[in-house]
Amino acid sequence: MEQEKNQTRNEEDVFKYYGDTEEINDIPVKETRVPKFLKATYVILAGWAAYYALTATTIDDRSKATTPVQVTAEAGKEIFNTTCTGCHAVTSQRIVGPGLLGVEQRLGDQGLDTVLHNGRPEKGMPNPTSLGLNEDQIQAVKLYLQTLK
């Protein structure tokens, strides 16, 4: 009995706070105010999004700002490991893209150049320049791939 009385009192307190209510599935509901901390969160997120939109660097900006790279197989290996290993292995194993062991023998020098400069969009490989690579970096990757025999 005491528990029912407390339940009724709590419901009355809720109704006093929120005013008139509607019922959905026999549950009293009322539109409520957005809590202040959520309003502050929305404002902070909107400010961050605006700041990010104004200060973000585009892919074109990144490719222009890249530091000069020595065109060596070792530099190409570093670039390959940070840019290409998500899809390609240096073995014959296929990940997303084909394994690149012996890639120059399969494609030839001109074919390798074509793929490295244009990608293979029909097979899901993006153009390396769209990933921020400049000509020196592409040539370094080519030298590295030529060592994979």
N, C-alpha and C. Protein backbone atom coordinates (compact mmCIF):
# COMPACT_ATOMS: atom_id res chain seq x y z
N MET A 1 0.82 -1.19 0.00
CA MET A 1 0.00 0.00 0.00
C MET A 1 0.87 1.26 0.00
N GLU A 2 1.89 1.22 0.84
CA GLU A 2 2.80 2.36 0.94
C GLU A 2 3.53 2.58 -0.40
N GLN A 3 3.89 1.46 -1.06
CA GLN A 3 4.59 1.55 -2.33
C GLN A 3 3.69 2.17 -3.40
N GLU A 4 2.40 1.79 -3.42
CA GLU A 4 1.46 2.38 -4.38
C GLU A 4 1.31 3.87 -4.14
N LYS A 5 1.28 4.28 -2.89
CA LYS A 5 1.14 5.69 -2.54
C LYS A 5 2.36 6.48 -3.05
N ASN A 6 3.55 5.92 -2.84
CA ASN A 6 4.77 6.58 -3.32
C ASN A 6 4.79 6.64 -4.85
N GLN A 7 4.33 5.57 -5.49
CA GLN A 7 4.27 5.54 -6.96
C GLN A 7 3.35 6.64 -7.47
N THR A 8 2.18 6.78 -6.85
CA THR A 8 1.22 7.80 -7.26
C THR A 8 1.81 9.19 -7.04
N ARG A 9 2.46 9.40 -5.91
CA ARG A 9 3.05 10.70 -5.61
C ARG A 9 4.14 11.04 -6.63
N ASN A 10 4.96 10.05 -7.00
CA ASN A 10 6.01 10.28 -7.99
C ASN A 10 5.42 10.64 -9.35
N GLU A 11 4.35 9.96 -9.74
CA GLU A 11 3.69 10.28 -11.00
C GLU A 11 3.12 11.68 -10.98
N GLU A 12 2.53 12.07 -9.86
CA GLU A 12 1.98 13.41 -9.75
C GLU A 12 3.08 14.45 -9.86
N ASP A 13 4.22 14.19 -9.23
CA ASP A 13 5.34 15.12 -9.33
C ASP A 13 5.80 15.26 -10.78
N VAL A 14 5.84 14.15 -11.48
CA VAL A 14 6.24 14.18 -12.89
C VAL A 14 5.24 15.01 -13.69
N PHE A 15 3.96 14.79 -13.48
CA PHE A 15 2.94 15.53 -14.22
C PHE A 15 3.00 17.01 -13.90
N LYS A 16 3.29 17.37 -12.64
CA LYS A 16 3.42 18.79 -12.29
C LYS A 16 4.58 19.41 -13.05
N TYR A 17 5.67 18.68 -13.15
CA TYR A 17 6.85 19.21 -13.82
C TYR A 17 6.63 19.36 -15.32
N TYR A 18 6.05 18.33 -15.93
CA TYR A 18 5.91 18.34 -17.38
C TYR A 18 4.58 18.89 -17.87
N GLY A 19 3.63 19.08 -17.03
CA GLY A 19 2.33 19.60 -17.46
C GLY A 19 1.48 18.50 -18.07
N ASP A 20 0.59 18.90 -18.97
CA ASP A 20 -0.30 17.94 -19.61
C ASP A 20 0.51 16.92 -20.40
N THR A 21 0.00 15.72 -20.42
CA THR A 21 0.70 14.66 -21.14
C THR A 21 -0.26 13.95 -22.08
N GLU A 22 0.33 13.22 -23.01
CA GLU A 22 -0.43 12.31 -23.85
C GLU A 22 -0.08 10.91 -23.40
N GLU A 23 -0.86 9.95 -23.89
CA GLU A 23 -0.53 8.57 -23.56
C GLU A 23 -0.27 7.80 -24.84
N ILE A 24 0.80 7.05 -24.82
CA ILE A 24 1.12 6.14 -25.92
C ILE A 24 1.29 4.78 -25.27
N ASN A 25 0.46 3.83 -25.71
CA ASN A 25 0.47 2.49 -25.11
C ASN A 25 0.32 2.57 -23.59
N ASP A 26 -0.59 3.39 -23.16
CA ASP A 26 -0.88 3.59 -21.74
C ASP A 26 0.31 4.12 -20.94
N ILE A 27 1.26 4.74 -21.63
CA ILE A 27 2.39 5.35 -20.94
C ILE A 27 2.28 6.86 -21.15
N PRO A 28 2.21 7.62 -20.06
CA PRO A 28 2.11 9.07 -20.22
C PRO A 28 3.43 9.64 -20.77
N VAL A 29 3.31 10.45 -21.83
CA VAL A 29 4.49 11.07 -22.42
C VAL A 29 4.24 12.55 -22.67
N LYS A 30 5.28 13.31 -22.74
CA LYS A 30 5.21 14.74 -23.00
C LYS A 30 6.51 15.13 -23.66
N GLU A 31 6.47 16.08 -24.57
CA GLU A 31 7.71 16.58 -25.13
C GLU A 31 8.52 17.19 -24.00
N THR A 32 9.78 16.92 -24.01
CA THR A 32 10.64 17.46 -22.96
C THR A 32 11.66 18.41 -23.56
N ARG A 33 12.22 19.21 -22.72
CA ARG A 33 13.25 20.15 -23.16
C ARG A 33 14.56 19.39 -23.38
N VAL A 34 15.36 19.90 -24.31
CA VAL A 34 16.68 19.32 -24.53
C VAL A 34 17.57 19.75 -23.37
N PRO A 35 18.23 18.81 -22.73
CA PRO A 35 19.10 19.17 -21.60
C PRO A 35 20.20 20.16 -22.02
N LYS A 36 20.59 21.01 -21.09
CA LYS A 36 21.58 22.05 -21.39
C LYS A 36 22.91 21.46 -21.86
N PHE A 37 23.32 20.34 -21.26
CA PHE A 37 24.60 19.78 -21.66
C PHE A 37 24.56 19.31 -23.12
N LEU A 38 23.38 18.85 -23.60
CA LEU A 38 23.29 18.45 -25.00
C LEU A 38 23.34 19.67 -25.92
N LYS A 39 22.71 20.76 -25.50
CA LYS A 39 22.78 21.98 -26.29
C LYS A 39 24.23 22.42 -26.42
N ALA A 40 24.96 22.38 -25.31
CA ALA A 40 26.37 22.76 -25.33
C ALA A 40 27.15 21.82 -26.25
N THR A 41 26.84 20.54 -26.21
CA THR A 41 27.52 19.57 -27.07
C THR A 41 27.26 19.88 -28.54
N TYR A 42 26.01 20.22 -28.88
CA TYR A 42 25.67 20.56 -30.26
C TYR A 42 26.47 21.78 -30.72
N VAL A 43 26.56 22.78 -29.86
CA VAL A 43 27.28 24.00 -30.22
C VAL A 43 28.76 23.70 -30.42
N ILE A 44 29.34 22.92 -29.53
CA ILE A 44 30.76 22.57 -29.65
C ILE A 44 31.00 21.77 -30.93
N LEU A 45 30.15 20.80 -31.22
CA LEU A 45 30.32 20.00 -32.45
C LEU A 45 30.16 20.86 -33.70
N ALA A 46 29.21 21.77 -33.69
CA ALA A 46 29.03 22.65 -34.85
C ALA A 46 30.26 23.54 -35.04
N GLY A 47 30.80 24.05 -33.94
CA GLY A 47 32.01 24.87 -34.03
C GLY A 47 33.19 24.07 -34.55
N TRP A 48 33.34 22.84 -34.05
CA TRP A 48 34.43 21.99 -34.52
C TRP A 48 34.27 21.69 -36.00
N ALA A 49 33.06 21.37 -36.44
CA ALA A 49 32.82 21.05 -37.84
C ALA A 49 33.15 22.24 -38.74
N ALA A 50 32.76 23.44 -38.31
CA ALA A 50 33.07 24.64 -39.09
C ALA A 50 34.58 24.86 -39.15
N TYR A 51 35.25 24.72 -38.02
CA TYR A 51 36.71 24.88 -37.99
C TYR A 51 37.38 23.86 -38.90
N TYR A 52 36.94 22.61 -38.81
CA TYR A 52 37.53 21.55 -39.62
C TYR A 52 37.31 21.82 -41.11
N ALA A 53 36.12 22.26 -41.47
CA ALA A 53 35.82 22.53 -42.88
C ALA A 53 36.68 23.67 -43.42
N LEU A 54 36.98 24.64 -42.58
CA LEU A 54 37.77 25.78 -43.02
C LEU A 54 39.27 25.50 -43.06
N THR A 55 39.74 24.57 -42.24
CA THR A 55 41.18 24.35 -42.14
C THR A 55 41.65 23.03 -42.74
N ALA A 56 40.76 22.19 -43.19
CA ALA A 56 41.15 20.88 -43.72
C ALA A 56 41.96 21.06 -45.00
N THR A 57 42.95 20.21 -45.18
CA THR A 57 43.73 20.25 -46.41
C THR A 57 43.16 19.23 -47.38
N THR A 58 43.09 19.60 -48.61
CA THR A 58 42.57 18.69 -49.62
C THR A 58 43.69 17.79 -50.11
N ILE A 59 43.33 16.80 -50.88
CA ILE A 59 44.33 15.90 -51.44
C ILE A 59 45.29 16.67 -52.33
N ASP A 60 44.79 17.64 -53.09
CA ASP A 60 45.66 18.45 -53.95
C ASP A 60 46.67 19.21 -53.11
N ASP A 61 46.23 19.78 -51.99
CA ASP A 61 47.14 20.51 -51.11
C ASP A 61 48.21 19.58 -50.56
N ARG A 62 47.83 18.36 -50.19
CA ARG A 62 48.81 17.42 -49.64
C ARG A 62 49.85 17.03 -50.67
N SER A 63 49.44 16.81 -51.92
CA SER A 63 50.41 16.38 -52.92
C SER A 63 51.37 17.51 -53.26
N LYS A 64 50.92 18.77 -53.18
CA LYS A 64 51.81 19.90 -53.43
C LYS A 64 52.78 20.10 -52.28
N ALA A 65 52.33 19.76 -51.07
CA ALA A 65 53.13 20.02 -49.88
C ALA A 65 54.08 18.88 -49.52
N THR A 66 54.10 17.83 -50.30
CA THR A 66 54.95 16.69 -49.93
C THR A 66 56.42 17.08 -50.05
N THR A 67 57.19 16.55 -49.16
CA THR A 67 58.62 16.83 -49.19
C THR A 67 59.25 16.05 -50.33
N PRO A 68 60.30 16.59 -50.90
CA PRO A 68 60.95 15.88 -52.00
C PRO A 68 61.43 14.51 -51.54
N VAL A 69 61.29 13.55 -52.42
CA VAL A 69 61.66 12.18 -52.10
C VAL A 69 62.81 11.78 -53.00
N GLN A 70 63.77 11.09 -52.42
CA GLN A 70 64.82 10.51 -53.25
C GLN A 70 64.19 9.36 -54.02
N VAL A 71 64.44 9.32 -55.30
CA VAL A 71 63.86 8.27 -56.12
C VAL A 71 64.74 7.03 -56.00
N THR A 72 64.49 6.27 -54.93
CA THR A 72 65.23 5.03 -54.69
C THR A 72 64.23 3.93 -54.36
N ALA A 73 64.69 2.70 -54.51
CA ALA A 73 63.83 1.56 -54.18
C ALA A 73 63.49 1.57 -52.69
N GLU A 74 64.45 2.00 -51.86
CA GLU A 74 64.20 2.04 -50.41
C GLU A 74 63.10 3.05 -50.07
N ALA A 75 63.15 4.23 -50.70
CA ALA A 75 62.09 5.23 -50.50
C ALA A 75 60.77 4.68 -51.02
N GLY A 76 60.82 3.98 -52.15
CA GLY A 76 59.62 3.38 -52.71
C GLY A 76 59.01 2.34 -51.79
N LYS A 77 59.86 1.59 -51.10
CA LYS A 77 59.37 0.59 -50.15
C LYS A 77 58.60 1.25 -49.02
N GLU A 78 59.14 2.36 -48.49
CA GLU A 78 58.45 3.09 -47.42
C GLU A 78 57.10 3.61 -47.90
N ILE A 79 57.08 4.20 -49.08
CA ILE A 79 55.83 4.73 -49.64
C ILE A 79 54.84 3.59 -49.87
N PHE A 80 55.32 2.49 -50.43
CA PHE A 80 54.47 1.32 -50.66
C PHE A 80 53.87 0.83 -49.35
N ASN A 81 54.70 0.72 -48.31
CA ASN A 81 54.22 0.20 -47.03
C ASN A 81 53.17 1.10 -46.38
N THR A 82 53.22 2.40 -46.62
CA THR A 82 52.23 3.29 -46.02
C THR A 82 51.02 3.52 -46.92
N THR A 83 51.16 3.28 -48.21
CA THR A 83 50.08 3.63 -49.14
C THR A 83 49.40 2.42 -49.77
N CYS A 84 50.14 1.37 -50.04
CA CYS A 84 49.62 0.30 -50.89
C CYS A 84 49.29 -1.01 -50.17
N THR A 85 49.86 -1.22 -48.99
CA THR A 85 49.72 -2.52 -48.34
C THR A 85 48.32 -2.81 -47.82
N GLY A 86 47.45 -1.85 -47.83
CA GLY A 86 46.07 -2.13 -47.47
C GLY A 86 45.40 -3.05 -48.48
N CYS A 87 45.87 -3.00 -49.72
CA CYS A 87 45.26 -3.80 -50.79
C CYS A 87 46.22 -4.80 -51.43
N HIS A 88 47.52 -4.55 -51.36
CA HIS A 88 48.49 -5.39 -52.07
C HIS A 88 49.51 -6.00 -51.12
N ALA A 89 49.91 -7.22 -51.41
CA ALA A 89 51.00 -7.89 -50.70
C ALA A 89 52.22 -7.91 -51.60
N VAL A 90 53.40 -8.05 -51.02
CA VAL A 90 54.62 -8.14 -51.82
C VAL A 90 54.92 -9.59 -52.20
N THR A 91 54.00 -10.46 -51.89
CA THR A 91 54.10 -11.87 -52.30
C THR A 91 53.12 -12.08 -53.45
N SER A 92 52.87 -13.30 -53.80
CA SER A 92 51.87 -13.57 -54.85
C SER A 92 50.47 -13.67 -54.27
N GLN A 93 50.35 -13.51 -52.95
CA GLN A 93 49.04 -13.62 -52.28
C GLN A 93 48.15 -12.42 -52.63
N ARG A 94 46.90 -12.71 -52.91
CA ARG A 94 45.92 -11.67 -53.21
C ARG A 94 45.29 -11.20 -51.90
N ILE A 95 45.21 -9.88 -51.71
CA ILE A 95 44.48 -9.33 -50.56
C ILE A 95 43.19 -8.78 -51.14
N VAL A 96 43.14 -7.49 -51.41
CA VAL A 96 42.03 -6.90 -52.17
C VAL A 96 42.46 -6.85 -53.62
N GLY A 97 43.65 -6.31 -53.82
CA GLY A 97 44.26 -6.31 -55.15
C GLY A 97 45.22 -7.48 -55.25
N PRO A 98 45.79 -7.69 -56.42
CA PRO A 98 46.69 -8.83 -56.60
C PRO A 98 48.00 -8.66 -55.84
N GLY A 99 48.63 -9.79 -55.54
CA GLY A 99 49.98 -9.75 -54.98
C GLY A 99 50.92 -9.20 -56.04
N LEU A 100 51.96 -8.50 -55.63
CA LEU A 100 52.81 -7.80 -56.59
C LEU A 100 54.16 -8.46 -56.84
N LEU A 101 54.33 -9.68 -56.39
CA LEU A 101 55.57 -10.40 -56.68
C LEU A 101 55.64 -10.64 -58.19
N GLY A 102 56.70 -10.16 -58.82
CA GLY A 102 56.87 -10.32 -60.26
C GLY A 102 55.94 -9.46 -61.10
N VAL A 103 55.49 -8.35 -60.56
CA VAL A 103 54.51 -7.52 -61.27
C VAL A 103 55.09 -6.94 -62.56
N GLU A 104 56.38 -6.58 -62.56
CA GLU A 104 56.95 -6.02 -63.79
C GLU A 104 57.02 -7.07 -64.89
N GLN A 105 57.31 -8.32 -64.53
CA GLN A 105 57.35 -9.38 -65.53
C GLN A 105 55.95 -9.60 -66.12
N ARG A 106 54.92 -9.46 -65.29
CA ARG A 106 53.55 -9.67 -65.78
C ARG A 106 53.07 -8.51 -66.65
N LEU A 107 53.36 -7.28 -66.23
CA LEU A 107 52.82 -6.11 -66.94
C LEU A 107 53.78 -5.50 -67.93
N GLY A 108 55.07 -5.72 -67.74
CA GLY A 108 56.07 -5.03 -68.55
C GLY A 108 56.28 -3.62 -68.01
N ASP A 109 57.36 -2.99 -68.46
CA ASP A 109 57.71 -1.66 -67.95
C ASP A 109 56.61 -0.63 -68.25
N GLN A 110 56.13 -0.64 -69.49
CA GLN A 110 55.09 0.33 -69.89
C GLN A 110 53.78 0.06 -69.15
N GLY A 111 53.41 -1.20 -68.99
CA GLY A 111 52.18 -1.53 -68.27
C GLY A 111 52.24 -1.11 -66.82
N LEU A 112 53.40 -1.31 -66.20
CA LEU A 112 53.58 -0.89 -64.80
C LEU A 112 53.46 0.62 -64.69
N ASP A 113 54.09 1.35 -65.63
CA ASP A 113 53.96 2.81 -65.64
C ASP A 113 52.50 3.24 -65.76
N THR A 114 51.78 2.60 -66.66
CA THR A 114 50.38 2.95 -66.87
C THR A 114 49.56 2.75 -65.60
N VAL A 115 49.74 1.61 -64.95
CA VAL A 115 48.99 1.33 -63.73
C VAL A 115 49.37 2.30 -62.62
N LEU A 116 50.68 2.58 -62.49
CA LEU A 116 51.12 3.48 -61.43
C LEU A 116 50.67 4.92 -61.64
N HIS A 117 50.43 5.31 -62.87
CA HIS A 117 49.98 6.69 -63.12
C HIS A 117 48.47 6.83 -63.20
N ASN A 118 47.78 5.76 -63.62
CA ASN A 118 46.34 5.87 -63.82
C ASN A 118 45.52 5.03 -62.85
N GLY A 119 46.15 4.10 -62.17
CA GLY A 119 45.39 3.17 -61.35
C GLY A 119 44.63 2.20 -62.24
N ARG A 120 43.69 1.51 -61.65
CA ARG A 120 42.78 0.64 -62.41
C ARG A 120 41.39 0.84 -61.83
N PRO A 121 40.77 1.98 -62.16
CA PRO A 121 39.47 2.30 -61.56
C PRO A 121 38.41 1.22 -61.78
N GLU A 122 38.47 0.54 -62.92
CA GLU A 122 37.47 -0.50 -63.21
C GLU A 122 37.62 -1.69 -62.26
N LYS A 123 38.79 -1.82 -61.64
CA LYS A 123 39.02 -2.92 -60.70
C LYS A 123 39.12 -2.42 -59.26
N GLY A 124 38.87 -1.13 -59.07
CA GLY A 124 38.86 -0.58 -57.71
C GLY A 124 40.17 0.04 -57.26
N MET A 125 41.19 0.08 -58.12
CA MET A 125 42.46 0.70 -57.73
C MET A 125 42.44 2.17 -58.09
N PRO A 126 42.58 3.05 -57.09
CA PRO A 126 42.54 4.48 -57.38
C PRO A 126 43.81 4.95 -58.08
N ASN A 127 43.70 6.09 -58.70
CA ASN A 127 44.85 6.75 -59.29
C ASN A 127 45.78 7.17 -58.15
N PRO A 128 47.04 6.77 -58.15
CA PRO A 128 47.94 7.10 -57.04
C PRO A 128 48.06 8.60 -56.76
N THR A 129 47.91 9.44 -57.79
CA THR A 129 47.97 10.89 -57.52
C THR A 129 46.77 11.33 -56.68
N SER A 130 45.65 10.61 -56.78
CA SER A 130 44.50 10.96 -55.94
C SER A 130 44.74 10.57 -54.49
N LEU A 131 45.75 9.75 -54.24
CA LEU A 131 46.13 9.38 -52.88
C LEU A 131 47.20 10.32 -52.33
N GLY A 132 47.58 11.32 -53.14
CA GLY A 132 48.55 12.30 -52.68
C GLY A 132 49.98 12.03 -53.12
N LEU A 133 50.19 11.06 -54.01
CA LEU A 133 51.56 10.77 -54.45
C LEU A 133 51.95 11.67 -55.61
N ASN A 134 53.18 12.18 -55.56
CA ASN A 134 53.68 12.99 -56.67
C ASN A 134 54.52 12.09 -57.59
N GLU A 135 55.04 12.68 -58.66
CA GLU A 135 55.77 11.90 -59.67
C GLU A 135 57.00 11.20 -59.09
N ASP A 136 57.76 11.89 -58.25
CA ASP A 136 58.95 11.27 -57.66
C ASP A 136 58.57 10.07 -56.80
N GLN A 137 57.50 10.20 -56.04
CA GLN A 137 57.05 9.09 -55.19
C GLN A 137 56.60 7.91 -56.03
N ILE A 138 55.89 8.19 -57.12
CA ILE A 138 55.44 7.11 -58.01
C ILE A 138 56.64 6.39 -58.62
N GLN A 139 57.65 7.15 -59.03
CA GLN A 139 58.85 6.53 -59.61
C GLN A 139 59.60 5.71 -58.56
N ALA A 140 59.62 6.18 -57.32
CA ALA A 140 60.27 5.42 -56.25
C ALA A 140 59.53 4.10 -56.01
N VAL A 141 58.20 4.14 -56.02
CA VAL A 141 57.41 2.91 -55.86
C VAL A 141 57.70 1.97 -57.02
N LYS A 142 57.81 2.52 -58.22
CA LYS A 142 58.11 1.68 -59.39
C LYS A 142 59.45 0.97 -59.21
N LEU A 143 60.47 1.71 -58.76
CA LEU A 143 61.78 1.09 -58.52
C LEU A 143 61.67 -0.03 -57.50
N TYR A 144 60.89 0.19 -56.45
CA TYR A 144 60.72 -0.85 -55.44
C TYR A 144 60.01 -2.07 -56.03
N LEU A 145 58.95 -1.84 -56.79
CA LEU A 145 58.21 -2.97 -57.38
C LEU A 145 59.09 -3.77 -58.34
N GLN A 146 60.02 -3.09 -59.00
CA GLN A 146 60.92 -3.79 -59.91
C GLN A 146 61.88 -4.73 -59.17
N THR A 147 62.05 -4.52 -57.87
CA THR A 147 62.92 -5.42 -57.09
C THR A 147 62.18 -6.69 -56.67
N LEU A 148 60.86 -6.71 -56.81
CA LEU A 148 60.06 -7.88 -56.40
C LEU A 148 60.02 -8.88 -57.55
N LYS A 149 60.92 -9.80 -57.54
CA LYS A 149 61.01 -10.76 -58.66
C LYS A 149 60.60 -12.13 -58.21
